[in-house]
């Protein structure tokens, strides 16, 4: 397996963990908050969520490209090996 795939996997896990922590923190903050929300803080949170979602999307696309490339390489290798077996 190419080393780039492992790096991407860790990046995805990091993004997912970060998003889960942020969601848990936000839920805890919402539970503690009794008054009206600060519109600027809400906008900043939404912008941060959007950036995180975009980064996660990019990481997922890269991971998908890596998996497609690996799958194509394995299929080609399998075809070559199958041809060798048929010829023997």
N, C-alpha and C. Protein backbone atom coordinates (compact mmCIF):
# COMPACT_ATOMS: atom_id res chain seq x y z
N UNK A 1 0.86 -1.18 0.00
CA UNK A 1 0.00 0.00 0.00
C UNK A 1 0.89 1.24 0.00
N UNK A 2 0.64 2.21 -0.85
CA UNK A 2 1.45 3.41 -0.92
C UNK A 2 1.39 4.19 0.39
N UNK A 3 2.50 4.86 0.69
CA UNK A 3 2.54 5.60 1.95
C UNK A 3 1.56 6.77 1.97
N UNK A 4 1.24 7.35 0.82
CA UNK A 4 0.29 8.46 0.75
C UNK A 4 -1.09 8.09 1.25
N UNK A 5 -1.47 6.83 1.05
CA UNK A 5 -2.78 6.38 1.50
C UNK A 5 -2.84 6.40 3.02
N UNK A 6 -1.78 5.93 3.67
CA UNK A 6 -1.75 5.93 5.13
C UNK A 6 -1.83 7.35 5.68
N UNK A 7 -1.10 8.28 5.07
CA UNK A 7 -1.13 9.67 5.51
C UNK A 7 -2.53 10.24 5.38
N UNK A 8 -3.21 9.95 4.29
CA UNK A 8 -4.56 10.45 4.08
C UNK A 8 -5.51 9.87 5.11
N UNK A 9 -5.33 8.59 5.43
CA UNK A 9 -6.18 7.97 6.43
C UNK A 9 -6.06 8.70 7.75
N UNK A 10 -4.83 9.00 8.16
CA UNK A 10 -4.65 9.72 9.41
C UNK A 10 -5.26 11.12 9.32
N UNK A 11 -5.14 11.77 8.19
CA UNK A 11 -5.74 13.09 8.03
C UNK A 11 -7.25 13.00 8.20
N UNK A 12 -7.87 12.00 7.60
CA UNK A 12 -9.31 11.84 7.72
C UNK A 12 -9.70 11.59 9.17
N UNK A 13 -8.96 10.72 9.84
CA UNK A 13 -9.26 10.44 11.23
C UNK A 13 -9.12 11.70 12.08
N UNK A 14 -8.10 12.51 11.78
CA UNK A 14 -7.91 13.76 12.51
C UNK A 14 -9.07 14.71 12.28
N UNK A 15 -9.52 14.84 11.03
CA UNK A 15 -10.65 15.73 10.73
C UNK A 15 -11.92 15.25 11.43
N UNK A 16 -12.15 13.96 11.36
CA UNK A 16 -13.36 13.42 11.98
C UNK A 16 -13.32 13.63 13.49
N UNK A 17 -12.17 13.35 14.09
CA UNK A 17 -12.03 13.56 15.54
C UNK A 17 -12.25 15.03 15.90
N UNK A 18 -11.64 15.91 15.12
CA UNK A 18 -11.78 17.35 15.38
C UNK A 18 -13.24 17.77 15.27
N UNK A 19 -13.95 17.27 14.26
CA UNK A 19 -15.36 17.63 14.08
C UNK A 19 -16.21 17.09 15.23
N UNK A 20 -15.90 15.87 15.69
CA UNK A 20 -16.65 15.31 16.81
C UNK A 20 -16.42 16.12 18.08
N UNK A 21 -15.18 16.50 18.33
CA UNK A 21 -14.87 17.31 19.51
C UNK A 21 -15.58 18.66 19.44
N UNK A 22 -15.57 19.27 18.27
CA UNK A 22 -16.23 20.57 18.09
C UNK A 22 -17.73 20.43 18.30
N UNK A 23 -18.32 19.35 17.78
CA UNK A 23 -19.75 19.13 17.95
C UNK A 23 -20.09 18.92 19.42
N UNK A 24 -19.27 18.15 20.12
CA UNK A 24 -19.50 17.93 21.54
C UNK A 24 -19.36 19.23 22.33
N UNK A 25 -18.35 20.04 21.99
CA UNK A 25 -18.14 21.30 22.68
C UNK A 25 -19.31 22.25 22.41
N UNK A 26 -19.76 22.30 21.18
CA UNK A 26 -20.86 23.18 20.81
C UNK A 26 -22.14 22.76 21.52
N UNK A 27 -22.38 21.46 21.60
CA UNK A 27 -23.56 20.96 22.29
C UNK A 27 -23.51 21.34 23.77
N UNK A 28 -22.34 21.21 24.37
CA UNK A 28 -22.17 21.57 25.78
C UNK A 28 -22.38 23.07 25.97
N UNK A 29 -21.85 23.88 25.06
CA UNK A 29 -22.03 25.33 25.13
C UNK A 29 -23.49 25.71 24.99
N UNK A 30 -24.21 25.05 24.08
CA UNK A 30 -25.62 25.34 23.86
C UNK A 30 -26.45 24.99 25.10
N UNK A 31 -26.08 23.89 25.77
CA UNK A 31 -26.81 23.48 26.96
C UNK A 31 -26.63 24.48 28.09
N UNK A 32 -25.43 25.08 28.19
CA UNK A 32 -25.14 26.03 29.25
C UNK A 32 -25.73 27.41 28.98
N UNK A 33 -26.00 27.72 27.74
CA UNK A 33 -26.42 29.05 27.34
C UNK A 33 -27.92 29.22 27.52
N UNK A 34 -28.31 30.24 28.31
CA UNK A 34 -29.72 30.52 28.53
C UNK A 34 -30.20 31.73 27.75
N UNK A 35 -29.31 32.67 27.49
CA UNK A 35 -29.68 33.92 26.83
C UNK A 35 -29.62 33.80 25.32
N UNK A 36 -29.86 34.92 24.63
CA UNK A 36 -29.80 34.92 23.16
C UNK A 36 -28.36 34.70 22.68
N UNK A 37 -28.25 34.09 21.52
CA UNK A 37 -26.93 33.83 20.94
C UNK A 37 -26.33 35.10 20.37
N UNK A 38 -25.01 35.14 20.39
CA UNK A 38 -24.27 36.24 19.79
C UNK A 38 -24.20 35.98 18.28
N UNK A 39 -24.77 36.85 17.45
CA UNK A 39 -24.78 36.61 16.00
C UNK A 39 -23.38 36.51 15.40
N UNK A 40 -22.44 37.30 15.90
CA UNK A 40 -21.08 37.25 15.37
C UNK A 40 -20.42 35.92 15.71
N UNK A 41 -20.63 35.43 16.93
CA UNK A 41 -20.06 34.15 17.33
C UNK A 41 -20.69 33.02 16.52
N UNK A 42 -22.00 33.12 16.30
CA UNK A 42 -22.69 32.11 15.50
C UNK A 42 -22.16 32.09 14.07
N UNK A 43 -21.95 33.28 13.49
CA UNK A 43 -21.42 33.37 12.13
C UNK A 43 -20.00 32.80 12.07
N UNK A 44 -19.18 33.13 13.06
CA UNK A 44 -17.81 32.61 13.09
C UNK A 44 -17.81 31.09 13.19
N UNK A 45 -18.72 30.55 14.01
CA UNK A 45 -18.82 29.10 14.15
C UNK A 45 -19.23 28.46 12.83
N UNK A 46 -20.20 29.06 12.16
CA UNK A 46 -20.65 28.52 10.88
C UNK A 46 -19.55 28.58 9.83
N UNK A 47 -18.79 29.67 9.82
CA UNK A 47 -17.67 29.78 8.88
C UNK A 47 -16.63 28.71 9.17
N UNK A 48 -16.34 28.49 10.45
CA UNK A 48 -15.38 27.46 10.85
C UNK A 48 -15.89 26.08 10.42
N UNK A 49 -17.18 25.82 10.64
CA UNK A 49 -17.76 24.54 10.23
C UNK A 49 -17.65 24.35 8.72
N UNK A 50 -17.87 25.43 7.97
CA UNK A 50 -17.79 25.36 6.52
C UNK A 50 -16.36 25.04 6.06
N UNK A 51 -15.39 25.68 6.69
CA UNK A 51 -13.98 25.42 6.35
C UNK A 51 -13.62 23.98 6.67
N UNK A 52 -14.05 23.51 7.84
CA UNK A 52 -13.76 22.12 8.22
C UNK A 52 -14.42 21.14 7.26
N UNK A 53 -15.65 21.43 6.85
CA UNK A 53 -16.34 20.55 5.91
C UNK A 53 -15.64 20.53 4.56
N UNK A 54 -15.15 21.69 4.12
CA UNK A 54 -14.43 21.75 2.85
C UNK A 54 -13.12 20.96 2.93
N UNK A 55 -12.41 21.09 4.04
CA UNK A 55 -11.16 20.35 4.21
C UNK A 55 -11.42 18.85 4.26
N UNK A 56 -12.48 18.46 4.95
CA UNK A 56 -12.84 17.05 5.01
C UNK A 56 -13.21 16.53 3.63
N UNK A 57 -13.96 17.33 2.87
CA UNK A 57 -14.32 16.94 1.51
C UNK A 57 -13.10 16.75 0.63
N UNK A 58 -12.13 17.67 0.74
CA UNK A 58 -10.90 17.53 -0.04
C UNK A 58 -10.14 16.26 0.35
N UNK A 59 -10.08 16.00 1.65
CA UNK A 59 -9.37 14.80 2.12
C UNK A 59 -10.08 13.54 1.63
N UNK A 60 -11.41 13.54 1.64
CA UNK A 60 -12.16 12.39 1.15
C UNK A 60 -11.94 12.18 -0.35
N UNK A 61 -11.91 13.26 -1.12
CA UNK A 61 -11.66 13.14 -2.55
C UNK A 61 -10.27 12.59 -2.82
N UNK A 62 -9.28 13.06 -2.07
CA UNK A 62 -7.91 12.56 -2.24
C UNK A 62 -7.85 11.08 -1.88
N UNK A 63 -8.49 10.71 -0.79
CA UNK A 63 -8.51 9.29 -0.37
C UNK A 63 -9.18 8.45 -1.45
N UNK A 64 -10.25 8.92 -2.01
CA UNK A 64 -10.95 8.20 -3.07
C UNK A 64 -10.05 8.03 -4.29
N UNK A 65 -9.35 9.10 -4.68
CA UNK A 65 -8.43 9.01 -5.81
C UNK A 65 -7.34 7.97 -5.55
N UNK A 66 -6.80 7.97 -4.32
CA UNK A 66 -5.77 6.99 -3.96
C UNK A 66 -6.31 5.57 -4.05
N UNK A 67 -7.52 5.36 -3.56
CA UNK A 67 -8.12 4.03 -3.59
C UNK A 67 -8.41 3.58 -5.02
N UNK A 68 -8.89 4.49 -5.86
CA UNK A 68 -9.15 4.15 -7.26
C UNK A 68 -7.85 3.76 -7.95
N UNK A 69 -6.79 4.53 -7.73
CA UNK A 69 -5.49 4.24 -8.34
C UNK A 69 -4.97 2.88 -7.85
N UNK A 70 -5.06 2.63 -6.54
CA UNK A 70 -4.61 1.35 -6.00
C UNK A 70 -5.41 0.19 -6.58
N UNK A 71 -6.71 0.38 -6.71
CA UNK A 71 -7.58 -0.66 -7.26
C UNK A 71 -7.21 -0.96 -8.71
N UNK A 72 -6.95 0.07 -9.49
CA UNK A 72 -6.56 -0.13 -10.89
C UNK A 72 -5.23 -0.88 -10.98
N UNK A 73 -4.28 -0.53 -10.11
CA UNK A 73 -2.99 -1.21 -10.11
C UNK A 73 -3.15 -2.68 -9.73
N UNK A 74 -3.97 -2.96 -8.73
CA UNK A 74 -4.19 -4.35 -8.34
C UNK A 74 -4.90 -5.14 -9.44
N UNK A 75 -5.85 -4.52 -10.13
CA UNK A 75 -6.55 -5.19 -11.22
C UNK A 75 -5.59 -5.52 -12.35
N UNK A 76 -4.70 -4.59 -12.68
CA UNK A 76 -3.71 -4.84 -13.73
C UNK A 76 -2.76 -5.96 -13.32
N UNK A 77 -2.31 -5.92 -12.07
CA UNK A 77 -1.41 -6.96 -11.58
C UNK A 77 -2.10 -8.32 -11.58
N UNK A 78 -3.34 -8.35 -11.16
CA UNK A 78 -4.11 -9.60 -11.16
C UNK A 78 -4.25 -10.13 -12.58
N UNK A 79 -4.54 -9.25 -13.53
CA UNK A 79 -4.68 -9.68 -14.93
C UNK A 79 -3.38 -10.26 -15.45
N UNK A 80 -2.26 -9.63 -15.14
CA UNK A 80 -0.96 -10.16 -15.57
C UNK A 80 -0.69 -11.53 -14.96
N UNK A 81 -0.96 -11.68 -13.69
CA UNK A 81 -0.73 -12.96 -13.02
C UNK A 81 -1.66 -14.04 -13.56
N UNK A 82 -2.89 -13.67 -13.82
CA UNK A 82 -3.85 -14.62 -14.38
C UNK A 82 -3.40 -15.08 -15.76
N UNK A 83 -2.88 -14.17 -16.56
CA UNK A 83 -2.38 -14.52 -17.89
C UNK A 83 -1.19 -15.47 -17.78
N UNK A 84 -0.31 -15.24 -16.82
CA UNK A 84 0.84 -16.14 -16.62
C UNK A 84 0.36 -17.53 -16.24
N UNK A 85 -0.64 -17.61 -15.38
CA UNK A 85 -1.18 -18.91 -14.96
C UNK A 85 -1.83 -19.61 -16.15
N UNK A 86 -2.54 -18.90 -16.97
CA UNK A 86 -3.20 -19.50 -18.15
C UNK A 86 -2.18 -20.01 -19.15
N UNK A 87 -1.05 -19.31 -19.27
CA UNK A 87 -0.02 -19.72 -20.23
C UNK A 87 0.75 -20.94 -19.74
N UNK A 88 0.76 -21.20 -18.44
CA UNK A 88 1.54 -22.34 -17.96
C UNK A 88 0.78 -23.64 -17.97
